[in-house]
Full PDB file with SEQRES, HELIX, SHEET, SSBOND, CRYST1, ORIGX, SCALE, CONECT and MASTER records, all heavy atoms in Angstrom:
SEQRES   1 A   41  MET ALA VAL VAL VAL PRO CYS ASP PHE ASN GLN THR LYS          
SEQRES   2 A   41  MET ALA THR LEU ALA VAL ALA GLU TYR GLU GLY PRO VAL          
SEQRES   3 A   41  TYR LEU ARG TYR GLY ARG PRO ALA VAL PRO ASN PHE THR          
SEQRES   4 A   41  GLU GLU                                                      
HELIX    1 AA1 PHE A    9  GLU A   21  1                                  13    
SHEET    1 AA1 2 ALA A   2  VAL A   4  0                                        
SHEET    2 AA1 2 VAL A  26  LEU A  28  1                                        
CRYST1    1.000    1.000    1.000  90.00  90.00  90.00 P 1           1          
ORIGX1      1.000000  0.000000  0.000000        0.00000                         
ORIGX2      0.000000  1.000000  0.000000        0.00000                         
ORIGX3      0.000000  0.000000  1.000000        0.00000                         
SCALE1      1.000000  0.000000  0.000000        0.00000                         
SCALE2      0.000000  1.000000  0.000000        0.00000                         
SCALE3      0.000000  0.000000  1.000000        0.00000                         
ATOM      1  N   MET A   1      61.555 140.010 133.395  1.00  0.00           N  
ATOM      2  CA  MET A   1      63.056 140.360 133.358  1.00  0.00           C  
ATOM      3  C   MET A   1      63.359 141.337 134.566  1.00  0.00           C  
ATOM      4  O   MET A   1      62.736 142.356 134.670  1.00  0.00           O  
ATOM      5  CB  MET A   1      63.321 140.989 132.099  1.00  0.00           C  
ATOM      6  CG  MET A   1      64.690 141.520 131.978  1.00  0.00           C  
ATOM      7  SD  MET A   1      66.041 140.280 131.790  1.00  0.00           S  
ATOM      8  CE  MET A   1      65.743 139.749 130.029  1.00  0.00           C  
ATOM      9  N   ALA A   2      64.232 140.840 135.375  1.00  0.00           N  
ATOM     10  CA  ALA A   2      64.649 141.713 136.477  1.00  0.00           C  
ATOM     11  C   ALA A   2      65.882 142.621 135.916  1.00  0.00           C  
ATOM     12  O   ALA A   2      66.523 142.298 135.012  1.00  0.00           O  
ATOM     13  CB  ALA A   2      65.372 140.863 137.600  1.00  0.00           C  
ATOM     14  N   VAL A   3      65.693 143.915 136.440  1.00  0.00           N  
ATOM     15  CA  VAL A   3      66.678 144.922 135.855  1.00  0.00           C  
ATOM     16  C   VAL A   3      67.382 145.564 137.074  1.00  0.00           C  
ATOM     17  O   VAL A   3      66.782 146.079 138.007  1.00  0.00           O  
ATOM     18  CB  VAL A   3      65.922 146.072 135.132  1.00  0.00           C  
ATOM     19  CG1 VAL A   3      66.925 147.052 134.601  1.00  0.00           C  
ATOM     20  CG2 VAL A   3      65.193 145.381 133.931  1.00  0.00           C  
ATOM     21  N   VAL A   4      68.742 145.324 137.131  1.00  0.00           N  
ATOM     22  CA  VAL A   4      69.620 145.749 138.271  1.00  0.00           C  
ATOM     23  C   VAL A   4      70.641 146.780 137.790  1.00  0.00           C  
ATOM     24  O   VAL A   4      71.352 146.561 136.837  1.00  0.00           O  
ATOM     25  CB  VAL A   4      70.197 144.543 138.935  1.00  0.00           C  
ATOM     26  CG1 VAL A   4      71.070 144.866 140.130  1.00  0.00           C  
ATOM     27  CG2 VAL A   4      69.140 143.558 139.442  1.00  0.00           C  
ATOM     28  N   VAL A   5      70.687 147.908 138.481  1.00  0.00           N  
ATOM     29  CA  VAL A   5      71.610 149.053 138.237  1.00  0.00           C  
ATOM     30  C   VAL A   5      72.371 149.464 139.463  1.00  0.00           C  
ATOM     31  O   VAL A   5      71.923 150.529 140.036  1.00  0.00           O  
ATOM     32  CB  VAL A   5      70.795 150.168 137.508  1.00  0.00           C  
ATOM     33  CG1 VAL A   5      71.881 151.156 136.976  1.00  0.00           C  
ATOM     34  CG2 VAL A   5      70.000 149.702 136.517  1.00  0.00           C  
ATOM     35  N   PRO A   6      73.459 148.741 139.856  1.00  0.00           N  
ATOM     36  CA  PRO A   6      74.175 149.160 141.044  1.00  0.00           C  
ATOM     37  C   PRO A   6      74.973 150.381 140.934  1.00  0.00           C  
ATOM     38  O   PRO A   6      75.208 150.839 139.734  1.00  0.00           O  
ATOM     39  CB  PRO A   6      75.066 148.019 141.409  1.00  0.00           C  
ATOM     40  CG  PRO A   6      75.175 147.347 140.000  1.00  0.00           C  
ATOM     41  CD  PRO A   6      73.979 147.474 139.278  1.00  0.00           C  
ATOM     42  N   CYS A   7      75.450 151.130 141.917  1.00  0.00           N  
ATOM     43  CA  CYS A   7      75.906 152.383 141.903  1.00  0.00           C  
ATOM     44  C   CYS A   7      77.454 152.508 141.901  1.00  0.00           C  
ATOM     45  O   CYS A   7      77.937 153.620 141.619  1.00  0.00           O  
ATOM     46  CB  CYS A   7      75.307 153.192 143.131  1.00  0.00           C  
ATOM     47  SG  CYS A   7      75.862 152.631 144.760  1.00  0.00           S  
ATOM     48  N   ASP A   8      78.110 151.612 142.381  1.00  0.00           N  
ATOM     49  CA  ASP A   8      79.556 151.737 142.493  1.00  0.00           C  
ATOM     50  C   ASP A   8      80.227 150.203 142.383  1.00  0.00           C  
ATOM     51  O   ASP A   8      79.525 149.259 142.301  1.00  0.00           O  
ATOM     52  CB  ASP A   8      80.129 152.474 143.671  1.00  0.00           C  
ATOM     53  CG  ASP A   8      79.865 151.748 145.021  1.00  0.00           C  
ATOM     54  OD1 ASP A   8      79.281 150.629 145.062  1.00  0.00           O  
ATOM     55  OD2 ASP A   8      80.169 152.206 146.044  1.00  0.00           O  
ATOM     56  N   PHE A   9      81.613 150.231 142.550  1.00  0.00           N  
ATOM     57  CA  PHE A   9      82.227 149.089 142.481  1.00  0.00           C  
ATOM     58  C   PHE A   9      81.809 148.015 143.429  1.00  0.00           C  
ATOM     59  O   PHE A   9      81.613 146.856 143.181  1.00  0.00           O  
ATOM     60  CB  PHE A   9      83.729 149.240 142.701  1.00  0.00           C  
ATOM     61  CG  PHE A   9      84.666 148.054 142.703  1.00  0.00           C  
ATOM     62  CD1 PHE A   9      85.332 147.645 141.653  1.00  0.00           C  
ATOM     63  CD2 PHE A   9      84.923 147.422 143.945  1.00  0.00           C  
ATOM     64  CE1 PHE A   9      86.165 146.426 141.750  1.00  0.00           C  
ATOM     65  CE2 PHE A   9      85.708 146.288 144.137  1.00  0.00           C  
ATOM     66  CZ  PHE A   9      86.374 145.680 142.922  1.00  0.00           C  
ATOM     67  N   ASN A  10      81.829 148.432 144.781  1.00  0.00           N  
ATOM     68  CA  ASN A  10      81.480 147.447 145.847  1.00  0.00           C  
ATOM     69  C   ASN A  10      80.042 146.926 145.585  1.00  0.00           C  
ATOM     70  O   ASN A  10      79.767 145.728 145.724  1.00  0.00           O  
ATOM     71  CB  ASN A  10      81.561 148.228 147.195  1.00  0.00           C  
ATOM     72  CG  ASN A  10      82.955 148.472 147.645  1.00  0.00           C  
ATOM     73  OD1 ASN A  10      83.801 147.758 147.191  1.00  0.00           O  
ATOM     74  ND2 ASN A  10      83.070 149.301 148.573  1.00  0.00           N  
ATOM     75  N   GLN A  11      79.039 147.848 145.258  1.00  0.00           N  
ATOM     76  CA  GLN A  11      77.726 147.255 145.016  1.00  0.00           C  
ATOM     77  C   GLN A  11      77.552 146.590 143.800  1.00  0.00           C  
ATOM     78  O   GLN A  11      76.803 145.475 143.820  1.00  0.00           O  
ATOM     79  CB  GLN A  11      76.768 148.518 145.125  1.00  0.00           C  
ATOM     80  CG  GLN A  11      75.311 148.002 145.195  1.00  0.00           C  
ATOM     81  CD  GLN A  11      74.301 149.111 145.421  1.00  0.00           C  
ATOM     82  OE1 GLN A  11      74.059 149.912 144.472  1.00  0.00           O  
ATOM     83  NE2 GLN A  11      73.723 149.213 146.568  1.00  0.00           N  
ATOM     84  N   THR A  12      78.319 146.728 142.828  1.00  0.00           N  
ATOM     85  CA  THR A  12      78.256 146.004 141.563  1.00  0.00           C  
ATOM     86  C   THR A  12      78.741 144.529 141.921  1.00  0.00           C  
ATOM     87  O   THR A  12      78.160 143.549 141.498  1.00  0.00           O  
ATOM     88  CB  THR A  12      79.049 146.572 140.439  1.00  0.00           C  
ATOM     89  OG1 THR A  12      78.532 147.945 140.225  1.00  0.00           O  
ATOM     90  CG2 THR A  12      78.895 145.741 139.176  1.00  0.00           C  
ATOM     91  N   LYS A  13      79.833 144.398 142.660  1.00  0.00           N  
ATOM     92  CA  LYS A  13      80.306 143.058 142.981  1.00  0.00           C  
ATOM     93  C   LYS A  13      79.240 142.230 143.861  1.00  0.00           C  
ATOM     94  O   LYS A  13      78.879 141.187 143.490  1.00  0.00           O  
ATOM     95  CB  LYS A  13      81.553 143.214 143.889  1.00  0.00           C  
ATOM     96  CG  LYS A  13      82.061 141.921 144.451  1.00  0.00           C  
ATOM     97  CD  LYS A  13      83.318 141.962 145.333  1.00  0.00           C  
ATOM     98  CE  LYS A  13      83.651 140.662 145.922  1.00  0.00           C  
ATOM     99  NZ  LYS A  13      84.914 140.840 146.727  1.00  0.00           N  
ATOM    100  N   MET A  14      78.709 142.959 144.853  1.00  0.00           N  
ATOM    101  CA  MET A  14      77.648 142.234 145.600  1.00  0.00           C  
ATOM    102  C   MET A  14      76.319 142.036 144.832  1.00  0.00           C  
ATOM    103  O   MET A  14      75.684 140.946 144.967  1.00  0.00           O  
ATOM    104  CB  MET A  14      77.309 143.104 146.873  1.00  0.00           C  
ATOM    105  CG  MET A  14      78.490 143.262 147.783  1.00  0.00           C  
ATOM    106  SD  MET A  14      79.404 141.688 148.242  1.00  0.00           S  
ATOM    107  CE  MET A  14      78.136 140.909 149.101  1.00  0.00           C  
ATOM    108  N   ALA A  15      76.005 142.847 143.908  1.00  0.00           N  
ATOM    109  CA  ALA A  15      74.805 142.709 143.057  1.00  0.00           C  
ATOM    110  C   ALA A  15      74.998 141.435 142.161  1.00  0.00           C  
ATOM    111  O   ALA A  15      74.090 140.715 141.885  1.00  0.00           O  
ATOM    112  CB  ALA A  15      74.569 143.888 142.175  1.00  0.00           C  
ATOM    113  N   THR A  16      76.261 141.283 141.521  1.00  0.00           N  
ATOM    114  CA  THR A  16      76.598 140.234 140.799  1.00  0.00           C  
ATOM    115  C   THR A  16      76.356 138.832 141.547  1.00  0.00           C  
ATOM    116  O   THR A  16      75.881 137.917 141.005  1.00  0.00           O  
ATOM    117  CB  THR A  16      78.072 140.340 140.193  1.00  0.00           C  
ATOM    118  OG1 THR A  16      78.177 141.475 139.527  1.00  0.00           O  
ATOM    119  CG2 THR A  16      78.399 139.073 139.377  1.00  0.00           C  
ATOM    120  N   LEU A  17      76.831 138.763 142.789  1.00  0.00           N  
ATOM    121  CA  LEU A  17      76.570 137.598 143.652  1.00  0.00           C  
ATOM    122  C   LEU A  17      75.203 137.410 143.845  1.00  0.00           C  
ATOM    123  O   LEU A  17      74.636 136.218 143.812  1.00  0.00           O  
ATOM    124  CB  LEU A  17      77.328 137.759 144.898  1.00  0.00           C  
ATOM    125  CG  LEU A  17      78.909 137.857 144.959  1.00  0.00           C  
ATOM    126  CD1 LEU A  17      79.389 138.216 146.257  1.00  0.00           C  
ATOM    127  CD2 LEU A  17      79.418 136.513 144.500  1.00  0.00           C  
ATOM    128  N   ALA A  18      74.296 138.357 144.007  1.00  0.00           N  
ATOM    129  CA  ALA A  18      72.913 138.274 144.225  1.00  0.00           C  
ATOM    130  C   ALA A  18      72.278 137.771 142.885  1.00  0.00           C  
ATOM    131  O   ALA A  18      71.335 136.829 142.887  1.00  0.00           O  
ATOM    132  CB  ALA A  18      72.302 139.550 144.707  1.00  0.00           C  
ATOM    133  N   VAL A  19      72.715 138.287 141.811  1.00  0.00           N  
ATOM    134  CA  VAL A  19      72.136 137.909 140.559  1.00  0.00           C  
ATOM    135  C   VAL A  19      72.336 136.376 140.209  1.00  0.00           C  
ATOM    136  O   VAL A  19      71.635 135.653 139.728  1.00  0.00           O  
ATOM    137  CB  VAL A  19      72.697 138.758 139.209  1.00  0.00           C  
ATOM    138  CG1 VAL A  19      72.543 138.157 137.892  1.00  0.00           C  
ATOM    139  CG2 VAL A  19      72.212 140.196 139.377  1.00  0.00           C  
ATOM    140  N   ALA A  20      73.569 135.897 140.647  1.00  0.00           N  
ATOM    141  CA  ALA A  20      73.976 134.561 140.411  1.00  0.00           C  
ATOM    142  C   ALA A  20      73.019 133.644 141.241  1.00  0.00           C  
ATOM    143  O   ALA A  20      72.819 132.461 140.724  1.00  0.00           O  
ATOM    144  CB  ALA A  20      75.380 134.256 140.911  1.00  0.00           C  
ATOM    145  N   GLU A  21      72.484 133.985 142.337  1.00  0.00           N  
ATOM    146  CA  GLU A  21      71.536 133.214 143.114  1.00  0.00           C  
ATOM    147  C   GLU A  21      69.978 133.485 142.748  1.00  0.00           C  
ATOM    148  O   GLU A  21      69.216 132.755 143.155  1.00  0.00           O  
ATOM    149  CB  GLU A  21      71.786 133.546 144.591  1.00  0.00           C  
ATOM    150  CG  GLU A  21      73.150 133.170 145.107  1.00  0.00           C  
ATOM    151  CD  GLU A  21      73.424 133.459 146.544  1.00  0.00           C  
ATOM    152  OE1 GLU A  21      72.526 134.067 147.118  1.00  0.00           O  
ATOM    153  OE2 GLU A  21      74.518 133.165 147.007  1.00  0.00           O  
ATOM    154  N   TYR A  22      69.831 134.446 141.983  1.00  0.00           N  
ATOM    155  CA  TYR A  22      68.426 134.826 141.587  1.00  0.00           C  
ATOM    156  C   TYR A  22      67.884 133.824 140.500  1.00  0.00           C  
ATOM    157  O   TYR A  22      68.596 133.559 139.539  1.00  0.00           O  
ATOM    158  CB  TYR A  22      68.349 136.191 141.098  1.00  0.00           C  
ATOM    159  CG  TYR A  22      66.948 136.760 140.814  1.00  0.00           C  
ATOM    160  CD1 TYR A  22      66.184 137.366 141.825  1.00  0.00           C  
ATOM    161  CD2 TYR A  22      66.513 136.734 139.394  1.00  0.00           C  
ATOM    162  CE1 TYR A  22      64.946 137.852 141.410  1.00  0.00           C  
ATOM    163  CE2 TYR A  22      65.355 137.198 139.242  1.00  0.00           C  
ATOM    164  CZ  TYR A  22      64.541 137.792 140.162  1.00  0.00           C  
ATOM    165  OH  TYR A  22      63.265 138.334 139.806  1.00  0.00           O  
ATOM    166  N   GLU A  23      66.734 133.303 140.668  1.00  0.00           N  
ATOM    167  CA  GLU A  23      66.161 132.372 139.641  1.00  0.00           C  
ATOM    168  C   GLU A  23      65.364 133.206 138.579  1.00  0.00           C  
ATOM    169  O   GLU A  23      64.362 133.817 138.943  1.00  0.00           O  
ATOM    170  CB  GLU A  23      65.277 131.382 140.378  1.00  0.00           C  
ATOM    171  CG  GLU A  23      64.759 130.301 139.352  1.00  0.00           C  
ATOM    172  CD  GLU A  23      65.790 129.396 138.834  1.00  0.00           C  
ATOM    173  OE1 GLU A  23      66.789 129.197 139.631  1.00  0.00           O  
ATOM    174  OE2 GLU A  23      65.577 128.985 137.747  1.00  0.00           O  
ATOM    175  N   GLY A  24      65.951 133.195 137.328  1.00  0.00           N  
ATOM    176  CA  GLY A  24      65.117 133.747 136.347  1.00  0.00           C  
ATOM    177  C   GLY A  24      66.039 134.736 135.598  1.00  0.00           C  
ATOM    178  O   GLY A  24      67.241 135.097 135.925  1.00  0.00           O  
ATOM    179  N   PRO A  25      65.629 135.419 134.422  1.00  0.00           N  
ATOM    180  CA  PRO A  25      66.477 136.264 133.605  1.00  0.00           C  
ATOM    181  C   PRO A  25      66.666 137.586 134.298  1.00  0.00           C  
ATOM    182  O   PRO A  25      65.863 138.146 134.923  1.00  0.00           O  
ATOM    183  CB  PRO A  25      65.737 136.545 132.351  1.00  0.00           C  
ATOM    184  CG  PRO A  25      64.246 136.204 132.729  1.00  0.00           C  
ATOM    185  CD  PRO A  25      64.291 135.101 133.804  1.00  0.00           C  
ATOM    186  N   VAL A  26      67.899 138.058 134.149  1.00  0.00           N  
ATOM    187  CA  VAL A  26      68.306 139.317 134.791  1.00  0.00           C  
ATOM    188  C   VAL A  26      69.165 140.154 133.722  1.00  0.00           C  
ATOM    189  O   VAL A  26      70.013 139.619 133.130  1.00  0.00           O  
ATOM    190  CB  VAL A  26      69.125 139.155 136.056  1.00  0.00           C  
ATOM    191  CG1 VAL A  26      69.525 140.436 136.623  1.00  0.00           C  
ATOM    192  CG2 VAL A  26      68.460 138.266 137.126  1.00  0.00           C  
ATOM    193  N   TYR A  27      68.913 141.533 133.786  1.00  0.00           N  
ATOM    194  CA  TYR A  27      69.719 142.405 133.051  1.00  0.00           C  
ATOM    195  C   TYR A  27      70.458 143.232 134.101  1.00  0.00           C  
ATOM    196  O   TYR A  27      69.844 144.037 134.862  1.00  0.00           O  
ATOM    197  CB  TYR A  27      68.871 143.360 132.123  1.00  0.00           C  
ATOM    198  CG  TYR A  27      69.619 144.344 131.384  1.00  0.00           C  
ATOM    199  CD1 TYR A  27      70.243 143.905 130.252  1.00  0.00           C  
ATOM    200  CD2 TYR A  27      69.550 145.736 131.692  1.00  0.00           C  
ATOM    201  CE1 TYR A  27      70.923 144.775 129.413  1.00  0.00           C  
ATOM    202  CE2 TYR A  27      70.436 146.591 130.809  1.00  0.00           C  
ATOM    203  CZ  TYR A  27      70.982 146.175 129.692  1.00  0.00           C  
ATOM    204  OH  TYR A  27      71.598 146.977 128.980  1.00  0.00           O  
ATOM    205  N   LEU A  28      71.789 143.150 134.158  1.00  0.00           N  
ATOM    206  CA  LEU A  28      72.683 143.716 135.191  1.00  0.00           C  
ATOM    207  C   LEU A  28      73.523 144.858 134.355  1.00  0.00           C  
ATOM    208  O   LEU A  28      74.296 144.509 133.525  1.00  0.00           O  
ATOM    209  CB  LEU A  28      73.627 142.751 135.759  1.00  0.00           C  
ATOM    210  CG  LEU A  28      74.731 143.204 136.717  1.00  0.00           C  
ATOM    211  CD1 LEU A  28      74.017 143.900 137.896  1.00  0.00           C  
ATOM    212  CD2 LEU A  28      75.605 142.182 137.175  1.00  0.00           C  
ATOM    213  N   ARG A  29      73.217 146.096 134.664  1.00  0.00           N  
ATOM    214  CA  ARG A  29      73.723 147.128 134.022  1.00  0.00           C  
ATOM    215  C   ARG A  29      74.851 147.873 134.892  1.00  0.00           C  
ATOM    216  O   ARG A  29      74.596 148.295 135.997  1.00  0.00           O  
ATOM    217  CB  ARG A  29      72.577 148.278 133.705  1.00  0.00           C  
ATOM    218  CG  ARG A  29      73.010 149.380 132.909  1.00  0.00           C  
ATOM    219  CD  ARG A  29      71.845 150.417 132.877  1.00  0.00           C  
ATOM    220  NE  ARG A  29      71.765 151.201 131.641  1.00  0.00           N  
ATOM    221  CZ  ARG A  29      72.036 152.562 131.720  1.00  0.00           C  
ATOM    222  NH1 ARG A  29      72.159 153.206 132.882  1.00  0.00           N  
ATOM    223  NH2 ARG A  29      71.758 153.267 130.594  1.00  0.00           N  
ATOM    224  N   TYR A  30      75.966 147.998 134.242  1.00  0.00           N  
ATOM    225  CA  TYR A  30      77.076 148.688 135.034  1.00  0.00           C  
ATOM    226  C   TYR A  30      77.912 149.492 133.820  1.00  0.00           C  
ATOM    227  O   TYR A  30      77.696 149.518 132.723  1.00  0.00           O  
ATOM    228  CB  TYR A  30      77.964 147.703 135.734  1.00  0.00           C  
ATOM    229  CG  TYR A  30      78.455 146.539 135.016  1.00  0.00           C  
ATOM    230  CD1 TYR A  30      79.555 146.515 134.320  1.00  0.00           C  
ATOM    231  CD2 TYR A  30      77.579 145.354 135.011  1.00  0.00           C  
ATOM    232  CE1 TYR A  30      80.015 145.422 133.592  1.00  0.00           C  
ATOM    233  CE2 TYR A  30      77.975 144.294 134.217  1.00  0.00           C  
ATOM    234  CZ  TYR A  30      79.210 144.167 133.579  1.00  0.00           C  
ATOM    235  OH  TYR A  30      79.640 143.134 132.845  1.00  0.00           O  
ATOM    236  N   GLY A  31      79.162 150.131 134.209  1.00  0.00           N  
ATOM    237  CA  GLY A  31      79.695 151.041 133.312  1.00  0.00           C  
ATOM    238  C   GLY A  31      81.230 150.832 133.233  1.00  0.00           C  
ATOM    239  O   GLY A  31      81.915 149.901 133.951  1.00  0.00           O  
ATOM    240  N   ARG A  32      81.676 151.676 132.392  1.00  0.00           N  
ATOM    241  CA  ARG A  32      83.258 151.671 132.001  1.00  0.00           C  
ATOM    242  C   ARG A  32      84.071 152.521 132.855  1.00  0.00           C  
ATOM    243  O   ARG A  32      85.162 152.079 133.232  1.00  0.00           O  
ATOM    244  CB  ARG A  32      83.325 151.934 130.497  1.00  0.00           C  
ATOM    245  CG  ARG A  32      84.756 152.094 130.000  1.00  0.00           C  
ATOM    246  CD  ARG A  32      84.744 152.614 128.631  1.00  0.00           C  
ATOM    247  NE  ARG A  32      85.996 152.492 127.965  1.00  0.00           N  
ATOM    248  CZ  ARG A  32      86.325 153.044 126.643  1.00  0.00           C  
ATOM    249  NH1 ARG A  32      85.365 153.633 126.049  1.00  0.00           N  
ATOM    250  NH2 ARG A  32      87.338 152.781 126.176  1.00  0.00           N  
ATOM    251  N   PRO A  33      83.752 153.799 133.101  1.00  0.00           N  
ATOM    252  CA  PRO A  33      84.780 154.702 133.851  1.00  0.00           C  
ATOM    253  C   PRO A  33      84.960 154.401 135.200  1.00  0.00           C  
ATOM    254  O   PRO A  33      84.115 153.824 135.899  1.00  0.00           O  
ATOM    255  CB  PRO A  33      84.130 156.068 133.554  1.00  0.00           C  
ATOM    256  CG  PRO A  33      82.592 155.753 133.614  1.00  0.00           C  
ATOM    257  CD  PRO A  33      82.410 154.495 132.945  1.00  0.00           C  
ATOM    258  N   ALA A  34      86.109 154.882 135.821  1.00  0.00           N  
ATOM    259  CA  ALA A  34      86.304 154.990 137.163  1.00  0.00           C  
ATOM    260  C   ALA A  34      85.476 155.995 137.836  1.00  0.00           C  
ATOM    261  O   ALA A  34      85.444 157.124 137.395  1.00  0.00           O  
ATOM    262  CB  ALA A  34      87.783 155.083 137.419  1.00  0.00           C  
ATOM    263  N   VAL A  35      84.629 155.522 138.733  1.00  0.00           N  
ATOM    264  CA  VAL A  35      83.813 156.479 139.504  1.00  0.00           C  
ATOM    265  C   VAL A  35      83.909 156.415 140.967  1.00  0.00           C  
ATOM    266  O   VAL A  35      84.525 155.328 141.442  1.00  0.00           O  
ATOM    267  CB  VAL A  35      82.278 156.160 139.094  1.00  0.00           C  
ATOM    268  CG1 VAL A  35      82.084 156.557 137.623  1.00  0.00           C  
ATOM    269  CG2 VAL A  35      81.931 154.743 139.392  1.00  0.00           C  
ATOM    270  N   PRO A  36      83.436 157.234 141.794  1.00  0.00           N  
ATOM    271  CA  PRO A  36      83.637 157.111 143.329  1.00  0.00           C  
ATOM    272  C   PRO A  36      83.062 155.719 143.815  1.00  0.00           C  
ATOM    273  O   PRO A  36      81.973 155.290 143.365  1.00  0.00           O  
ATOM    274  CB  PRO A  36      82.716 158.335 143.877  1.00  0.00           C  
ATOM    275  CG  PRO A  36      82.735 159.276 142.761  1.00  0.00           C  
ATOM    276  CD  PRO A  36      82.770 158.475 141.466  1.00  0.00           C  
ATOM    277  N   ASN A  37      83.868 155.130 144.556  1.00  0.00           N  
ATOM    278  CA  ASN A  37      83.481 153.778 145.275  1.00  0.00           C  
ATOM    279  C   ASN A  37      83.221 154.189 146.754  1.00  0.00           C  
ATOM    280  O   ASN A  37      84.094 154.653 147.535  1.00  0.00           O  
ATOM    281  CB  ASN A  37      84.653 152.894 145.103  1.00  0.00           C  
ATOM    282  CG  ASN A  37      84.198 151.508 145.721  1.00  0.00           C  
ATOM    283  OD1 ASN A  37      83.121 151.053 145.466  1.00  0.00           O  
ATOM    284  ND2 ASN A  37      85.140 150.844 146.302  1.00  0.00           N  
ATOM    285  N   PHE A  38      81.973 154.118 147.170  1.00  0.00           N  
ATOM    286  CA  PHE A  38      81.559 154.809 148.460  1.00  0.00           C  
ATOM    287  C   PHE A  38      80.808 153.834 149.298  1.00  0.00           C  
ATOM    288  O   PHE A  38      80.517 154.029 150.544  1.00  0.00           O  
ATOM    289  CB  PHE A  38      80.838 156.064 148.209  1.00  0.00           C  
ATOM    290  CG  PHE A  38      79.717 155.998 147.259  1.00  0.00           C  
ATOM    291  CD1 PHE A  38      78.436 155.911 147.811  1.00  0.00           C  
ATOM    292  CD2 PHE A  38      79.824 155.981 145.901  1.00  0.00           C  
ATOM    293  CE1 PHE A  38      77.346 155.791 146.943  1.00  0.00           C  
ATOM    294  CE2 PHE A  38      78.806 156.034 145.074  1.00  0.00           C  
ATOM    295  CZ  PHE A  38      77.483 155.805 145.594  1.00  0.00           C  
ATOM    296  N   THR A  39      80.117 152.760 148.832  1.00  0.00           N  
ATOM    297  CA  THR A  39      79.220 151.965 149.624  1.00  0.00           C  
ATOM    298  C   THR A  39      80.138 150.941 150.505  1.00  0.00           C  
ATOM    299  O   THR A  39      81.346 150.840 150.104  1.00  0.00           O  
ATOM    300  CB  THR A  39      78.210 151.173 148.797  1.00  0.00           C  
ATOM    301  OG1 THR A  39      78.941 150.248 147.848  1.00  0.00           O  
ATOM    302  CG2 THR A  39      77.315 152.103 147.974  1.00  0.00           C  
ATOM    303  N   GLU A  40      79.505 150.368 151.431  1.00  0.00           N  
ATOM    304  CA  GLU A  40      80.216 149.538 152.323  1.00  0.00           C  
ATOM    305  C   GLU A  40      80.603 148.256 151.654  1.00  0.00           C  
ATOM    306  O   GLU A  40      79.937 147.626 150.880  1.00  0.00           O  
ATOM    307  CB  GLU A  40      79.424 149.152 153.510  1.00  0.00           C  
ATOM    308  CG  GLU A  40      80.064 148.332 154.549  1.00  0.00           C  
ATOM    309  CD  GLU A  40      79.127 147.876 155.763  1.00  0.00           C  
ATOM    310  OE1 GLU A  40      78.090 148.618 155.808  1.00  0.00           O  
ATOM    311  OE2 GLU A  40      79.512 147.055 156.479  1.00  0.00           O  
ATOM    312  N   GLU A  41      81.874 147.960 151.822  1.00  0.00           N  
ATOM    313  CA  GLU A  41      82.441 146.673 151.167  1.00  0.00           C  
ATOM    314  C   GLU A  41      81.718 145.523 151.687  1.00  0.00           C  
ATOM    315  O   GLU A  41      81.533 145.338 152.988  1.00  0.00           O  
ATOM    316  CB  GLU A  41      83.985 146.544 151.506  1.00  0.00           C  
ATOM    317  CG  GLU A  41      84.653 145.503 150.779  1.00  0.00           C  
ATOM    318  CD  GLU A  41      86.151 145.425 151.015  1.00  0.00           C  
ATOM    319  OE1 GLU A  41      86.640 146.161 151.894  1.00  0.00           O  
ATOM    320  OE2 GLU A  41      86.871 144.584 150.222  1.00  0.00           O  
TER     321      GLU A  41                                                      
MASTER        0    0    0    1    2    0    0    6  320    1    0    4          
END                                                                             
């Protein structure tokens, strides 16, 4: 089981795209509140 925990909105979007292409089961963990968005789009 792969476990992925991105840090902000931008990275969660890109992590989701990577998860879609990854072969095998994945647990993608993200959150509810608005938090700083700081990584490169």
